[in-house]
Amino acid sequence: MSTYITAMNWTEHGLREINHSPERLDAAKALAKQLGGEMKQFFMTMGEYDMVAISEFPDDKAAGQFMLRLSMAGAVRGKTLKAFPETEYREIMKSLG
């Protein structure tokens, strides 16, 4: 499984329906499971982004489907980063010679 970090902001629609945000989070977690992944951690944040999620998916396709489906719902927009854990980081660095 690969790890993905997604920074999100509420859209105008998401803010108008802010009281339903916890239910939308539950739906996002269920969607991740449907796609073979899992939302491991979720944070409401202060600053440039409103929320950050750390998820695992079997591949980039599933991660892409997840974020596109969330965006299609209209409540959030996000930016997703593929993350390499320390062990993979060290393997990559070692491969450089």
N, C-alpha and C. Protein backbone atom coordinates (compact mmCIF):
# COMPACT_ATOMS: atom_id res chain seq x y z
N MET A 1 0.85 -1.19 0.00
CA MET A 1 0.00 0.00 0.00
C MET A 1 0.89 1.24 0.00
N SER A 2 0.47 2.22 -0.76
CA SER A 2 1.17 3.50 -0.81
C SER A 2 0.45 4.50 0.08
N THR A 3 1.21 5.46 0.60
CA THR A 3 0.66 6.49 1.47
C THR A 3 0.47 7.78 0.69
N TYR A 4 -0.64 8.46 0.96
CA TYR A 4 -0.97 9.72 0.29
C TYR A 4 -1.37 10.74 1.35
N ILE A 5 -0.88 11.95 1.20
CA ILE A 5 -1.23 13.04 2.10
C ILE A 5 -2.05 14.04 1.28
N THR A 6 -3.25 14.33 1.76
CA THR A 6 -4.13 15.24 1.03
C THR A 6 -4.46 16.44 1.89
N ALA A 7 -4.17 17.63 1.36
CA ALA A 7 -4.52 18.89 2.01
C ALA A 7 -5.77 19.42 1.31
N MET A 8 -6.78 19.75 2.08
CA MET A 8 -8.07 20.13 1.51
C MET A 8 -8.60 21.44 2.09
N ASN A 9 -9.42 22.09 1.28
CA ASN A 9 -10.17 23.26 1.72
C ASN A 9 -11.64 23.04 1.43
N TRP A 10 -12.49 23.57 2.30
CA TRP A 10 -13.92 23.54 2.03
C TRP A 10 -14.22 24.49 0.89
N THR A 11 -15.14 24.09 0.03
CA THR A 11 -15.63 24.97 -1.02
C THR A 11 -16.76 25.81 -0.42
N GLU A 12 -17.29 26.74 -1.21
CA GLU A 12 -18.45 27.52 -0.74
C GLU A 12 -19.60 26.59 -0.38
N HIS A 13 -19.83 25.58 -1.21
CA HIS A 13 -20.88 24.59 -0.93
C HIS A 13 -20.60 23.87 0.39
N GLY A 14 -19.36 23.45 0.58
CA GLY A 14 -18.99 22.76 1.81
C GLY A 14 -19.19 23.62 3.04
N LEU A 15 -18.91 24.91 2.92
CA LEU A 15 -19.11 25.81 4.05
C LEU A 15 -20.58 26.06 4.33
N ARG A 16 -21.41 26.16 3.27
CA ARG A 16 -22.85 26.34 3.47
C ARG A 16 -23.46 25.14 4.19
N GLU A 17 -22.88 23.98 3.97
CA GLU A 17 -23.38 22.72 4.55
C GLU A 17 -22.42 22.19 5.62
N ILE A 18 -21.74 23.09 6.32
CA ILE A 18 -20.69 22.71 7.26
C ILE A 18 -21.20 21.77 8.35
N ASN A 19 -22.46 21.88 8.72
CA ASN A 19 -23.00 21.01 9.77
C ASN A 19 -23.02 19.55 9.35
N HIS A 20 -22.92 19.28 8.04
CA HIS A 20 -22.92 17.91 7.53
C HIS A 20 -21.50 17.38 7.30
N SER A 21 -20.51 18.18 7.67
CA SER A 21 -19.12 17.77 7.45
C SER A 21 -18.76 16.44 8.12
N PRO A 22 -19.17 16.18 9.36
CA PRO A 22 -18.83 14.88 9.97
C PRO A 22 -19.41 13.69 9.19
N GLU A 23 -20.62 13.85 8.66
CA GLU A 23 -21.20 12.78 7.85
C GLU A 23 -20.44 12.59 6.55
N ARG A 24 -19.99 13.70 5.96
CA ARG A 24 -19.19 13.61 4.72
C ARG A 24 -17.86 12.94 5.00
N LEU A 25 -17.27 13.19 6.16
CA LEU A 25 -16.03 12.51 6.53
C LEU A 25 -16.26 11.00 6.63
N ASP A 26 -17.34 10.62 7.26
CA ASP A 26 -17.66 9.19 7.37
C ASP A 26 -17.85 8.57 5.98
N ALA A 27 -18.51 9.31 5.09
CA ALA A 27 -18.71 8.81 3.72
C ALA A 27 -17.38 8.69 2.98
N ALA A 28 -16.46 9.64 3.22
CA ALA A 28 -15.14 9.58 2.58
C ALA A 28 -14.36 8.37 3.08
N LYS A 29 -14.45 8.08 4.37
CA LYS A 29 -13.78 6.90 4.91
C LYS A 29 -14.35 5.63 4.29
N ALA A 30 -15.67 5.58 4.12
CA ALA A 30 -16.30 4.41 3.50
C ALA A 30 -15.88 4.29 2.03
N LEU A 31 -15.78 5.41 1.33
CA LEU A 31 -15.33 5.40 -0.06
C LEU A 31 -13.91 4.86 -0.17
N ALA A 32 -13.03 5.30 0.73
CA ALA A 32 -11.65 4.81 0.71
C ALA A 32 -11.64 3.28 0.83
N LYS A 33 -12.45 2.75 1.72
CA LYS A 33 -12.52 1.29 1.90
C LYS A 33 -13.04 0.61 0.64
N GLN A 34 -14.04 1.20 -0.03
CA GLN A 34 -14.58 0.64 -1.27
C GLN A 34 -13.50 0.55 -2.34
N LEU A 35 -12.56 1.48 -2.31
CA LEU A 35 -11.49 1.52 -3.31
C LEU A 35 -10.27 0.71 -2.87
N GLY A 36 -10.40 -0.03 -1.78
CA GLY A 36 -9.31 -0.88 -1.31
C GLY A 36 -8.30 -0.18 -0.43
N GLY A 37 -8.65 1.02 0.03
CA GLY A 37 -7.72 1.80 0.86
C GLY A 37 -8.28 2.08 2.24
N GLU A 38 -7.65 3.01 2.89
CA GLU A 38 -8.09 3.42 4.22
C GLU A 38 -7.60 4.82 4.52
N MET A 39 -8.51 5.64 5.07
CA MET A 39 -8.11 6.94 5.57
C MET A 39 -7.56 6.69 6.98
N LYS A 40 -6.25 6.79 7.13
CA LYS A 40 -5.59 6.44 8.39
C LYS A 40 -5.72 7.53 9.45
N GLN A 41 -5.59 8.78 9.02
CA GLN A 41 -5.67 9.90 9.96
C GLN A 41 -6.35 11.07 9.28
N PHE A 42 -7.05 11.86 10.07
CA PHE A 42 -7.72 13.06 9.58
C PHE A 42 -7.50 14.17 10.60
N PHE A 43 -7.21 15.35 10.11
CA PHE A 43 -6.99 16.51 10.98
C PHE A 43 -7.72 17.72 10.42
N MET A 44 -8.43 18.46 11.27
CA MET A 44 -8.86 19.81 10.90
C MET A 44 -7.66 20.69 11.23
N THR A 45 -7.31 21.59 10.32
CA THR A 45 -6.10 22.38 10.50
C THR A 45 -6.40 23.87 10.42
N MET A 46 -5.45 24.65 10.90
CA MET A 46 -5.52 26.11 10.80
C MET A 46 -4.40 26.54 9.87
N GLY A 47 -4.67 27.54 9.07
CA GLY A 47 -3.66 28.02 8.14
C GLY A 47 -4.16 27.92 6.71
N GLU A 48 -3.27 27.58 5.80
CA GLU A 48 -3.60 27.57 4.37
C GLU A 48 -4.67 26.54 4.02
N TYR A 49 -4.70 25.43 4.74
CA TYR A 49 -5.66 24.36 4.46
C TYR A 49 -6.59 24.15 5.64
N ASP A 50 -7.81 23.72 5.34
CA ASP A 50 -8.81 23.48 6.38
C ASP A 50 -8.70 22.09 7.00
N MET A 51 -8.21 21.12 6.19
CA MET A 51 -8.14 19.73 6.63
C MET A 51 -6.95 19.05 5.97
N VAL A 52 -6.43 18.02 6.64
CA VAL A 52 -5.38 17.17 6.08
C VAL A 52 -5.74 15.72 6.40
N ALA A 53 -5.62 14.87 5.39
CA ALA A 53 -5.88 13.44 5.58
C ALA A 53 -4.66 12.64 5.14
N ILE A 54 -4.38 11.59 5.88
CA ILE A 54 -3.32 10.65 5.52
C ILE A 54 -4.02 9.33 5.22
N SER A 55 -3.85 8.88 3.98
CA SER A 55 -4.55 7.68 3.51
C SER A 55 -3.58 6.70 2.90
N GLU A 56 -4.04 5.46 2.81
CA GLU A 56 -3.29 4.42 2.10
C GLU A 56 -4.20 3.84 1.03
N PHE A 57 -3.64 3.63 -0.16
CA PHE A 57 -4.35 3.01 -1.26
C PHE A 57 -3.43 2.01 -1.94
N PRO A 58 -4.03 1.02 -2.61
CA PRO A 58 -3.20 0.01 -3.25
C PRO A 58 -2.38 0.55 -4.43
N ASP A 59 -2.85 1.64 -5.05
CA ASP A 59 -2.12 2.19 -6.19
C ASP A 59 -2.58 3.63 -6.46
N ASP A 60 -1.88 4.28 -7.39
CA ASP A 60 -2.19 5.66 -7.72
C ASP A 60 -3.58 5.81 -8.33
N LYS A 61 -4.03 4.80 -9.08
CA LYS A 61 -5.35 4.84 -9.69
C LYS A 61 -6.43 4.96 -8.62
N ALA A 62 -6.36 4.13 -7.60
CA ALA A 62 -7.36 4.17 -6.52
C ALA A 62 -7.30 5.51 -5.78
N ALA A 63 -6.09 6.01 -5.54
CA ALA A 63 -5.95 7.31 -4.86
C ALA A 63 -6.54 8.42 -5.71
N GLY A 64 -6.31 8.36 -7.02
CA GLY A 64 -6.87 9.36 -7.92
C GLY A 64 -8.39 9.31 -7.96
N GLN A 65 -8.94 8.11 -8.02
CA GLN A 65 -10.40 7.96 -8.01
C GLN A 65 -10.98 8.52 -6.73
N PHE A 66 -10.32 8.26 -5.62
CA PHE A 66 -10.79 8.75 -4.32
C PHE A 66 -10.89 10.27 -4.33
N MET A 67 -9.83 10.94 -4.73
CA MET A 67 -9.83 12.41 -4.68
C MET A 67 -10.80 12.99 -5.70
N LEU A 68 -10.89 12.39 -6.87
CA LEU A 68 -11.82 12.90 -7.87
C LEU A 68 -13.27 12.75 -7.41
N ARG A 69 -13.59 11.62 -6.79
CA ARG A 69 -14.95 11.44 -6.29
C ARG A 69 -15.28 12.42 -5.17
N LEU A 70 -14.32 12.67 -4.30
CA LEU A 70 -14.55 13.67 -3.25
C LEU A 70 -14.79 15.04 -3.88
N SER A 71 -13.99 15.39 -4.86
CA SER A 71 -14.12 16.69 -5.53
C SER A 71 -15.45 16.80 -6.25
N MET A 72 -15.90 15.72 -6.87
CA MET A 72 -17.17 15.72 -7.60
C MET A 72 -18.35 16.02 -6.68
N ALA A 73 -18.25 15.65 -5.42
CA ALA A 73 -19.33 15.90 -4.47
C ALA A 73 -19.48 17.39 -4.18
N GLY A 74 -18.42 18.16 -4.42
CA GLY A 74 -18.52 19.62 -4.34
C GLY A 74 -18.24 20.28 -3.01
N ALA A 75 -17.96 19.52 -1.96
CA ALA A 75 -17.77 20.13 -0.64
C ALA A 75 -16.32 20.48 -0.35
N VAL A 76 -15.38 19.80 -1.02
CA VAL A 76 -13.96 20.06 -0.78
C VAL A 76 -13.19 20.07 -2.10
N ARG A 77 -12.04 20.73 -2.07
CA ARG A 77 -11.04 20.67 -3.13
C ARG A 77 -9.73 20.36 -2.43
N GLY A 78 -8.90 19.54 -3.08
CA GLY A 78 -7.68 19.15 -2.40
C GLY A 78 -6.49 19.00 -3.31
N LYS A 79 -5.35 18.86 -2.68
CA LYS A 79 -4.08 18.57 -3.35
C LYS A 79 -3.50 17.35 -2.66
N THR A 80 -3.13 16.36 -3.47
CA THR A 80 -2.64 15.11 -2.92
C THR A 80 -1.18 14.90 -3.24
N LEU A 81 -0.43 14.47 -2.25
CA LEU A 81 0.99 14.16 -2.38
C LEU A 81 1.19 12.67 -2.13
N LYS A 82 1.97 12.02 -2.99
CA LYS A 82 2.35 10.64 -2.70
C LYS A 82 3.52 10.71 -1.74
N ALA A 83 3.43 9.94 -0.66
CA ALA A 83 4.45 10.00 0.38
C ALA A 83 5.25 8.70 0.42
N PHE A 84 6.55 8.82 0.61
CA PHE A 84 7.43 7.67 0.73
C PHE A 84 7.88 7.56 2.17
N PRO A 85 7.60 6.44 2.83
CA PRO A 85 8.05 6.29 4.22
C PRO A 85 9.58 6.25 4.30
N GLU A 86 10.08 6.39 5.50
CA GLU A 86 11.53 6.48 5.70
C GLU A 86 12.28 5.29 5.09
N THR A 87 11.73 4.09 5.23
CA THR A 87 12.44 2.92 4.67
C THR A 87 12.59 3.04 3.15
N GLU A 88 11.53 3.47 2.47
CA GLU A 88 11.62 3.66 1.01
C GLU A 88 12.55 4.82 0.67
N TYR A 89 12.49 5.88 1.45
CA TYR A 89 13.38 7.02 1.26
C TYR A 89 14.84 6.55 1.30
N ARG A 90 15.17 5.74 2.31
CA ARG A 90 16.55 5.26 2.45
C ARG A 90 16.95 4.36 1.27
N GLU A 91 16.01 3.54 0.80
CA GLU A 91 16.30 2.71 -0.37
C GLU A 91 16.56 3.57 -1.60
N ILE A 92 15.77 4.59 -1.78
CA ILE A 92 15.96 5.50 -2.92
C ILE A 92 17.32 6.19 -2.81
N MET A 93 17.67 6.67 -1.63
CA MET A 93 18.95 7.36 -1.44
C MET A 93 20.10 6.40 -1.69
N LYS A 94 19.98 5.16 -1.22
CA LYS A 94 21.03 4.16 -1.40
C LYS A 94 21.22 3.84 -2.89
N SER A 95 20.15 3.85 -3.63
CA SER A 95 20.23 3.50 -5.06
C SER A 95 20.96 4.56 -5.87
N LEU A 96 21.17 5.73 -5.31
CA LEU A 96 21.84 6.80 -6.03
C LEU A 96 23.35 6.58 -6.15
N GLY A 97 23.85 5.64 -5.37
CA GLY A 97 25.26 5.30 -5.48
C GLY A 97 26.16 5.92 -4.52
